[in-house]
Amino acid sequence: MKVFAVLLFAVAVLLLQGCGEDAKNDKSESSSIPKPMSEITRMGEIPSFMSEGLTEEEKAELKEQIMPSGMGDENFAEEKFKVLMEDARAGDPIAQNGLGVMYYTGDAVSKTASGQVLNNDPELAAGWFYRAAEQGYADAQFNLGLMYANGEGVPQDMEQAVELFKKAAEQGHVDAQNNLGAMYFTGEGVARNEKKAIEWFEKAAAQGNEEARSNLDAIQQSQSK
């Protein structure tokens, strides 16, 4: 199984793909969770899946249609950061999660003790995700689970990732449901349990998650052989 991630502001999506073909060769193959940096959609950009195959002119037109006025402008980002920081410090979990995403992507600037500017700050991001996750905010639980799965900002800990995905999944977070299914299927961070994997894939598929549907199809194909 191949896993990659996409982080968007306030919403993190971890997609499971390639399950079908891999299952044909090895039903118990472990998942590979690469770092999601290349899959990040930054502020002021449109996701790659929306711009694929478009000319530069068409991309510019699409961006103008879907991006709020001022998006991508430094002043806009600075104002957004100030508002988020104020709300985050006041305990708003949505703002805390959003602030974590900004630190993760590098839209919020941070420095080391010696004054070196960091391109991004996963440790600070994880800290803000943690604050929001502790309040039961599903998106933050998912984001922090992703950090633990990748070992970014925190030590890699698949068991902790499973626990966080489970908390988000139980709240109906569709991508957490799909990822929890993947981890039950591969046995990473939790005892391998194909029945539970199918249950979580079915929950995600019922919400329209195409990756979960593909995973269910792949499992059915492997079982029929």
Protein backbone atom coordinates (compact mmCIF):
# COMPACT_ATOMS: atom_id res chain seq x y z
CA MET A 1 0.00 0.00 0.00
CA LYS A 2 1.23 3.44 -0.86
CA VAL A 3 0.18 6.41 1.22
CA PHE A 4 0.71 10.09 0.59
CA ALA A 5 -0.65 13.20 2.20
CA VAL A 6 -2.14 16.55 1.32
CA LEU A 7 -2.43 19.32 3.87
CA LEU A 8 -4.86 22.16 3.20
CA PHE A 9 -5.78 25.02 5.51
CA ALA A 10 -8.09 23.71 8.25
CA VAL A 11 -8.50 20.39 6.43
CA ALA A 12 -5.90 17.65 6.18
CA VAL A 13 -6.37 14.77 3.78
CA LEU A 14 -4.36 11.58 3.84
CA LEU A 15 -5.07 9.44 0.77
CA LEU A 16 -4.47 5.73 0.37
CA GLN A 17 -3.73 4.64 -3.19
CA GLY A 18 -2.25 1.74 -5.12
CA CYS A 19 -3.87 -0.83 -2.84
CA GLY A 20 -5.38 -2.84 -5.69
CA GLU A 21 -2.24 -3.68 -7.62
CA ASP A 22 -0.08 -4.12 -4.52
CA ALA A 23 -2.56 -6.52 -2.98
CA LYS A 24 -2.18 -8.82 -5.97
CA ASN A 25 1.50 -9.25 -5.23
CA ASP A 26 1.53 -9.21 -1.45
CA LYS A 27 -1.60 -9.06 0.68
CA SER A 28 0.35 -8.09 3.83
CA GLU A 29 2.66 -5.50 2.32
CA SER A 30 3.42 -2.70 4.78
CA SER A 31 2.32 0.83 3.92
CA SER A 32 4.88 3.44 3.02
CA ILE A 33 4.21 6.93 4.40
CA PRO A 34 6.51 9.46 2.76
CA LYS A 35 6.82 13.03 3.87
CA PRO A 36 3.96 15.12 2.49
CA MET A 37 5.92 18.27 1.70
CA SER A 38 5.67 17.93 -2.10
CA GLU A 39 1.91 17.48 -1.83
CA ILE A 40 1.22 20.65 0.17
CA THR A 41 -1.02 23.28 -1.36
CA ARG A 42 0.17 26.63 -0.03
CA MET A 43 -1.86 29.78 0.44
CA GLY A 44 -2.31 31.53 -2.88
CA GLU A 45 -1.94 28.32 -4.90
CA ILE A 46 -4.54 26.02 -6.42
CA PRO A 47 -4.30 22.27 -5.80
CA SER A 48 -2.39 20.33 -8.47
CA PHE A 49 -5.33 18.03 -9.19
CA MET A 50 -7.37 21.07 -10.26
CA SER A 51 -4.66 22.60 -12.45
CA GLU A 52 -3.38 19.45 -14.15
CA GLY A 53 -3.35 19.81 -17.93
CA LEU A 54 -4.24 23.53 -17.89
CA THR A 55 -2.27 26.22 -19.67
CA GLU A 56 -0.77 29.07 -17.60
CA GLU A 57 -3.58 31.32 -18.87
CA GLU A 58 -6.22 28.83 -17.80
CA LYS A 59 -4.54 28.38 -14.41
CA ALA A 60 -4.55 32.15 -13.84
CA GLU A 61 -8.24 32.34 -14.78
CA LEU A 62 -9.12 29.45 -12.44
CA LYS A 63 -7.12 31.01 -9.62
CA GLU A 64 -8.96 34.30 -10.05
CA GLN A 65 -12.29 32.49 -9.89
CA ILE A 66 -11.68 30.39 -6.76
CA MET A 67 -9.20 32.40 -4.65
CA PRO A 68 -10.44 35.11 -2.27
CA SER A 69 -9.32 38.64 -3.04
CA GLY A 70 -5.84 39.24 -1.62
CA MET A 71 -4.95 35.56 -1.26
CA GLY A 72 -1.22 35.05 -1.82
CA ASP A 73 -0.44 38.65 -0.89
CA GLU A 74 2.08 38.98 1.98
CA ASN A 75 -0.08 41.51 3.80
CA PHE A 76 -3.07 39.19 3.54
CA ALA A 77 -1.05 36.30 4.99
CA GLU A 78 0.28 38.51 7.79
CA GLU A 79 -3.20 39.70 8.74
CA LYS A 80 -4.50 36.14 8.63
CA PHE A 81 -1.68 35.03 10.89
CA LYS A 82 -2.36 37.80 13.43
CA VAL A 83 -6.05 36.91 13.63
CA LEU A 84 -5.31 33.20 13.95
CA MET A 85 -2.70 33.78 16.66
CA GLU A 86 -5.07 35.92 18.71
CA ASP A 87 -7.87 33.36 18.46
CA ALA A 88 -5.49 30.42 19.01
CA ARG A 89 -4.09 31.92 22.20
CA ALA A 90 -7.67 32.46 23.37
CA GLY A 91 -8.20 28.71 23.02
CA ASP A 92 -10.08 28.44 19.72
CA PRO A 93 -9.28 24.93 18.38
CA ILE A 94 -10.07 25.86 14.78
CA ALA A 95 -7.58 28.73 14.93
CA GLN A 96 -5.03 26.53 16.69
CA ASN A 97 -5.32 23.95 13.93
CA GLY A 98 -5.09 26.63 11.25
CA LEU A 99 -2.03 28.11 12.90
CA GLY A 100 -0.44 24.66 12.98
CA VAL A 101 -1.00 24.32 9.25
CA MET A 102 0.60 27.73 8.62
CA TYR A 103 3.70 26.75 10.59
CA TYR A 104 3.82 23.40 8.83
CA THR A 105 3.64 24.87 5.33
CA GLY A 106 5.91 27.83 6.08
CA ASP A 107 3.20 30.45 5.60
CA ALA A 108 3.94 31.50 9.18
CA VAL A 109 7.59 32.47 9.74
CA SER A 110 9.48 31.13 12.74
CA LYS A 111 13.12 31.39 13.86
CA THR A 112 15.58 29.31 15.83
CA ALA A 113 17.10 30.57 19.11
CA SER A 114 20.05 31.87 17.09
CA GLY A 115 17.73 33.84 14.79
CA GLN A 116 17.87 31.55 11.77
CA VAL A 117 14.63 31.76 9.74
CA LEU A 118 13.03 28.36 9.18
CA ASN A 119 11.32 27.39 5.93
CA ASN A 120 8.74 25.59 8.03
CA ASP A 121 8.46 24.55 11.65
CA PRO A 122 6.92 21.09 12.15
CA GLU A 123 7.62 21.13 15.91
CA LEU A 124 5.66 24.33 16.41
CA ALA A 125 2.97 23.01 14.06
CA ALA A 126 2.67 19.82 16.10
CA GLY A 127 2.37 21.89 19.28
CA TRP A 128 -0.62 23.81 17.95
CA PHE A 129 -2.20 20.65 16.53
CA TYR A 130 -1.79 19.10 19.99
CA ARG A 131 -3.62 21.98 21.70
CA ALA A 132 -6.57 21.68 19.33
CA ALA A 133 -6.53 17.87 19.41
CA GLU A 134 -6.73 17.92 23.21
CA GLN A 135 -10.00 19.83 22.82
CA GLY A 136 -11.36 17.04 20.63
CA TYR A 137 -11.08 18.87 17.31
CA ALA A 138 -11.10 16.13 14.66
CA ASP A 139 -9.05 17.94 12.00
CA ALA A 140 -6.27 18.59 14.51
CA GLN A 141 -6.38 15.01 15.76
CA PHE A 142 -5.98 13.91 12.17
CA ASN A 143 -3.14 16.36 11.51
CA LEU A 144 -1.28 15.35 14.66
CA GLY A 145 -1.79 11.70 13.77
CA LEU A 146 -0.19 12.41 10.42
CA MET A 147 2.76 14.08 12.15
CA TYR A 148 3.27 11.00 14.34
CA ALA A 149 2.95 8.68 11.34
CA ASN A 150 5.62 10.63 9.47
CA GLY A 151 7.81 11.45 12.49
CA GLU A 152 7.63 15.18 11.76
CA GLY A 153 7.79 17.59 14.69
CA VAL A 154 7.35 14.62 17.02
CA PRO A 155 9.04 11.19 17.26
CA GLN A 156 7.56 8.69 14.84
CA ASP A 157 4.97 6.65 16.72
CA MET A 158 2.52 4.56 14.72
CA GLU A 159 0.55 3.54 17.82
CA GLN A 160 -0.03 7.18 18.70
CA ALA A 161 -0.99 7.88 15.08
CA VAL A 162 -3.60 5.10 15.24
CA GLU A 163 -5.06 6.49 18.47
CA LEU A 164 -5.38 9.96 17.00
CA PHE A 165 -6.83 8.71 13.71
CA LYS A 166 -9.31 6.65 15.75
CA LYS A 167 -10.46 9.67 17.77
CA ALA A 168 -11.03 11.66 14.58
CA ALA A 169 -12.62 8.71 12.78
CA GLU A 170 -15.11 8.17 15.60
CA GLN A 171 -16.24 11.76 15.07
CA GLY A 172 -16.93 10.98 11.42
CA HIS A 173 -13.68 12.36 9.93
CA VAL A 174 -13.75 10.59 6.59
CA ASP A 175 -10.02 10.64 5.84
CA ALA A 176 -9.20 9.44 9.35
CA GLN A 177 -11.61 6.57 8.77
CA ASN A 178 -9.85 5.64 5.55
CA ASN A 179 -6.40 5.87 7.15
CA LEU A 180 -7.49 3.89 10.19
CA GLY A 181 -8.70 1.20 7.82
CA ALA A 182 -5.31 1.25 6.09
CA MET A 183 -3.45 0.84 9.36
CA TYR A 184 -5.66 -2.04 10.47
CA PHE A 185 -5.11 -3.63 7.08
CA THR A 186 -1.32 -3.33 7.20
CA GLY A 187 -0.97 -3.86 10.94
CA GLU A 188 1.04 -0.67 11.47
CA GLY A 189 0.63 0.70 14.99
CA VAL A 190 -2.13 -1.78 15.73
CA ALA A 191 -2.73 -5.53 15.51
CA ARG A 192 -3.62 -6.43 11.91
CA ASN A 193 -7.37 -6.90 11.63
CA GLU A 194 -8.84 -7.13 8.14
CA LYS A 195 -12.40 -7.14 9.47
CA LYS A 196 -11.91 -3.81 11.25
CA ALA A 197 -10.09 -2.45 8.21
CA ILE A 198 -13.11 -3.24 6.06
CA GLU A 199 -15.47 -1.68 8.63
CA TRP A 200 -13.57 1.63 8.56
CA PHE A 201 -13.20 1.57 4.78
CA GLU A 202 -16.96 1.05 4.53
CA LYS A 203 -17.64 4.01 6.82
CA ALA A 204 -15.40 6.24 4.71
CA ALA A 205 -16.83 4.91 1.45
CA ALA A 206 -20.35 5.63 2.71
CA GLN A 207 -19.31 9.28 2.95
CA GLY A 208 -18.13 9.23 -0.66
CA ASN A 209 -14.41 8.62 -0.13
CA GLU A 210 -13.14 7.20 -3.42
CA GLU A 211 -9.88 5.89 -1.93
CA ALA A 212 -11.82 3.84 0.60
CA ARG A 213 -13.96 2.41 -2.19
CA SER A 214 -10.83 1.48 -4.11
CA ASN A 215 -9.41 -0.16 -1.01
CA LEU A 216 -12.57 -2.22 -0.54
CA ASP A 217 -12.48 -3.28 -4.19
CA ALA A 218 -8.83 -4.30 -3.82
CA ILE A 219 -9.57 -6.37 -0.73
CA GLN A 220 -12.49 -8.10 -2.47
CA GLN A 221 -10.30 -8.88 -5.46
CA SER A 222 -7.58 -10.35 -3.26
CA GLN A 223 -10.13 -12.45 -1.35
CA SER A 224 -11.61 -13.87 -4.55
CA LYS A 225 -8.25 -15.32 -5.64
